[in-house]
Amino acid sequence: MLTINVAVLLAVIVVLRLRRRTEARSRRDERMTVVIVPALGVLLAPTPVGEGITDIMGQVAGSVTQAGR
């Protein structure tokens, strides 16, 4: 039996959609991407990978804030 992780599937879809040239995208394509990306974020957030990304982004934001002072 083959199982597919929905987050991995959405990540692949996002990468494939973003590889296309901007001129080749229709408004419908852009709207679909805008819907898919937050859905991917919601699926990744509670996972260890999502928590790691959140920690890294928090550290980057903290260092940028300190550098600006």
N, C-alpha and C. Protein backbone atom coordinates (compact mmCIF):
# COMPACT_ATOMS: atom_id res chain seq x y z
N MET A 1 0.83 -1.18 0.00
CA MET A 1 0.00 0.00 0.00
C MET A 1 0.88 1.24 0.00
N LEU A 2 0.53 2.20 -0.81
CA LEU A 2 1.29 3.44 -0.94
C LEU A 2 0.59 4.53 -0.15
N THR A 3 1.35 5.20 0.71
CA THR A 3 0.79 6.34 1.44
C THR A 3 1.51 7.60 0.98
N ILE A 4 0.75 8.67 0.90
CA ILE A 4 1.31 9.94 0.47
C ILE A 4 1.07 10.96 1.57
N ASN A 5 2.12 11.60 2.00
CA ASN A 5 2.02 12.66 2.98
C ASN A 5 1.48 13.90 2.26
N VAL A 6 0.38 14.45 2.74
CA VAL A 6 -0.27 15.58 2.09
C VAL A 6 0.65 16.80 2.07
N ALA A 7 1.41 17.01 3.11
CA ALA A 7 2.33 18.16 3.16
C ALA A 7 3.40 18.03 2.09
N VAL A 8 3.92 16.83 1.89
CA VAL A 8 4.94 16.63 0.85
C VAL A 8 4.33 16.86 -0.53
N LEU A 9 3.13 16.35 -0.73
CA LEU A 9 2.45 16.55 -2.01
C LEU A 9 2.22 18.03 -2.29
N LEU A 10 1.76 18.77 -1.29
CA LEU A 10 1.56 20.21 -1.48
C LEU A 10 2.87 20.94 -1.72
N ALA A 11 3.94 20.52 -1.05
CA ALA A 11 5.25 21.15 -1.27
C ALA A 11 5.70 20.95 -2.71
N VAL A 12 5.51 19.76 -3.23
CA VAL A 12 5.88 19.49 -4.63
C VAL A 12 5.04 20.35 -5.57
N ILE A 13 3.75 20.46 -5.29
CA ILE A 13 2.88 21.28 -6.14
C ILE A 13 3.32 22.74 -6.10
N VAL A 14 3.64 23.26 -4.92
CA VAL A 14 4.08 24.65 -4.81
C VAL A 14 5.37 24.88 -5.59
N VAL A 15 6.32 23.98 -5.46
CA VAL A 15 7.59 24.13 -6.19
C VAL A 15 7.34 24.11 -7.69
N LEU A 16 6.53 23.20 -8.16
CA LEU A 16 6.24 23.13 -9.60
C LEU A 16 5.52 24.39 -10.09
N ARG A 17 4.60 24.91 -9.28
CA ARG A 17 3.88 26.12 -9.69
C ARG A 17 4.79 27.34 -9.70
N LEU A 18 5.70 27.43 -8.74
CA LEU A 18 6.57 28.60 -8.67
C LEU A 18 7.70 28.57 -9.69
N ARG A 19 7.98 27.41 -10.26
CA ARG A 19 9.04 27.33 -11.27
C ARG A 19 8.61 27.95 -12.59
N ARG A 20 7.30 28.04 -12.81
CA ARG A 20 6.82 28.62 -14.07
C ARG A 20 7.14 30.11 -14.13
N ARG A 21 7.32 30.58 -15.33
CA ARG A 21 7.58 32.01 -15.51
C ARG A 21 6.37 32.83 -15.10
N THR A 22 6.60 34.01 -14.58
CA THR A 22 5.52 34.86 -14.13
C THR A 22 4.57 35.20 -15.28
N GLU A 23 5.11 35.43 -16.46
CA GLU A 23 4.27 35.80 -17.60
C GLU A 23 3.34 34.67 -18.02
N ALA A 24 3.72 33.43 -17.70
CA ALA A 24 2.93 32.27 -18.12
C ALA A 24 1.78 31.97 -17.15
N ARG A 25 1.73 32.67 -16.03
CA ARG A 25 0.70 32.40 -15.03
C ARG A 25 -0.54 33.25 -15.27
N SER A 26 -1.67 32.64 -15.12
CA SER A 26 -2.92 33.39 -15.19
C SER A 26 -3.29 33.85 -13.79
N ARG A 27 -4.28 34.70 -13.69
CA ARG A 27 -4.73 35.14 -12.37
C ARG A 27 -5.26 33.97 -11.57
N ARG A 28 -5.90 33.04 -12.25
CA ARG A 28 -6.43 31.85 -11.57
C ARG A 28 -5.29 31.03 -10.97
N ASP A 29 -4.19 30.88 -11.73
CA ASP A 29 -3.02 30.16 -11.22
C ASP A 29 -2.45 30.85 -9.99
N GLU A 30 -2.35 32.17 -10.05
CA GLU A 30 -1.80 32.91 -8.92
C GLU A 30 -2.70 32.77 -7.69
N ARG A 31 -4.01 32.83 -7.88
CA ARG A 31 -4.93 32.67 -6.75
C ARG A 31 -4.82 31.28 -6.15
N MET A 32 -4.69 30.27 -6.99
CA MET A 32 -4.57 28.90 -6.50
C MET A 32 -3.30 28.74 -5.68
N THR A 33 -2.21 29.35 -6.13
CA THR A 33 -0.96 29.29 -5.38
C THR A 33 -1.11 29.97 -4.03
N VAL A 34 -1.82 31.10 -4.01
CA VAL A 34 -2.04 31.83 -2.76
C VAL A 34 -2.86 30.98 -1.78
N VAL A 35 -3.73 30.12 -2.26
CA VAL A 35 -4.52 29.24 -1.40
C VAL A 35 -3.69 28.05 -0.93
N ILE A 36 -2.87 27.50 -1.82
CA ILE A 36 -2.10 26.29 -1.51
C ILE A 36 -0.98 26.57 -0.50
N VAL A 37 -0.30 27.68 -0.61
CA VAL A 37 0.84 27.97 0.26
C VAL A 37 0.44 28.05 1.74
N PRO A 38 -0.62 28.78 2.11
CA PRO A 38 -1.01 28.77 3.53
C PRO A 38 -1.47 27.38 3.99
N ALA A 39 -2.11 26.63 3.10
CA ALA A 39 -2.52 25.27 3.47
C ALA A 39 -1.29 24.43 3.80
N LEU A 40 -0.24 24.59 3.02
CA LEU A 40 1.02 23.89 3.29
C LEU A 40 1.59 24.32 4.63
N GLY A 41 1.53 25.62 4.92
CA GLY A 41 2.02 26.11 6.21
C GLY A 41 1.25 25.54 7.38
N VAL A 42 -0.06 25.43 7.24
CA VAL A 42 -0.88 24.86 8.31
C VAL A 42 -0.54 23.39 8.54
N LEU A 43 -0.25 22.67 7.47
CA LEU A 43 0.09 21.25 7.61
C LEU A 43 1.49 21.05 8.20
N LEU A 44 2.41 21.97 7.89
CA LEU A 44 3.78 21.83 8.39
C LEU A 44 3.96 22.34 9.81
N ALA A 45 3.16 23.30 10.21
CA ALA A 45 3.37 23.98 11.49
C ALA A 45 3.47 23.04 12.70
N PRO A 46 2.60 22.05 12.87
CA PRO A 46 2.68 21.22 14.08
C PRO A 46 3.74 20.11 14.01
N THR A 47 4.42 19.98 12.90
CA THR A 47 5.41 18.92 12.76
C THR A 47 6.76 19.38 13.30
N PRO A 48 7.67 18.45 13.57
CA PRO A 48 9.02 18.84 14.00
C PRO A 48 9.73 19.73 12.97
N VAL A 49 9.50 19.48 11.70
CA VAL A 49 10.11 20.32 10.65
C VAL A 49 9.57 21.73 10.75
N GLY A 50 8.27 21.86 10.92
CA GLY A 50 7.65 23.18 11.04
C GLY A 50 8.14 23.93 12.26
N GLU A 51 8.29 23.22 13.38
CA GLU A 51 8.79 23.85 14.59
C GLU A 51 10.24 24.29 14.42
N GLY A 52 11.03 23.50 13.70
CA GLY A 52 12.42 23.88 13.42
C GLY A 52 12.49 25.13 12.56
N ILE A 53 11.64 25.18 11.54
CA ILE A 53 11.59 26.37 10.67
C ILE A 53 11.19 27.59 11.47
N THR A 54 10.21 27.43 12.36
CA THR A 54 9.76 28.54 13.20
C THR A 54 10.89 29.03 14.10
N ASP A 55 11.63 28.11 14.69
CA ASP A 55 12.76 28.50 15.55
C ASP A 55 13.82 29.26 14.76
N ILE A 56 14.16 28.76 13.60
CA ILE A 56 15.18 29.41 12.76
C ILE A 56 14.73 30.80 12.35
N MET A 57 13.46 30.92 11.91
CA MET A 57 12.96 32.23 11.49
C MET A 57 12.91 33.19 12.68
N GLY A 58 12.60 32.69 13.87
CA GLY A 58 12.60 33.52 15.06
C GLY A 58 13.99 34.05 15.39
N GLN A 59 15.00 33.19 15.24
CA GLN A 59 16.37 33.60 15.48
C GLN A 59 16.82 34.64 14.46
N VAL A 60 16.45 34.43 13.19
CA VAL A 60 16.82 35.38 12.14
C VAL A 60 16.14 36.73 12.41
N ALA A 61 14.85 36.69 12.75
CA ALA A 61 14.13 37.94 13.03
C ALA A 61 14.74 38.66 14.23
N GLY A 62 15.11 37.91 15.26
CA GLY A 62 15.73 38.51 16.44
C GLY A 62 17.07 39.15 16.13
N SER A 63 17.87 38.50 15.30
CA SER A 63 19.18 39.06 14.96
C SER A 63 19.04 40.28 14.06
N VAL A 64 18.06 40.28 13.17
CA VAL A 64 17.83 41.45 12.31
C VAL A 64 17.36 42.63 13.15
N THR A 65 16.51 42.36 14.12
CA THR A 65 16.01 43.43 15.00
C THR A 65 17.16 44.02 15.81
N GLN A 66 18.04 43.18 16.34
CA GLN A 66 19.18 43.66 17.11
C GLN A 66 20.17 44.39 16.24
N ALA A 67 20.35 43.97 15.00
CA ALA A 67 21.28 44.63 14.11
C ALA A 67 20.78 46.02 13.71
N GLY A 68 19.47 46.20 13.70
CA GLY A 68 18.88 47.50 13.33
C GLY A 68 18.96 48.53 14.42
N ARG A 69 19.31 48.12 15.63
CA ARG A 69 19.37 49.08 16.75
C ARG A 69 20.66 49.80 16.82
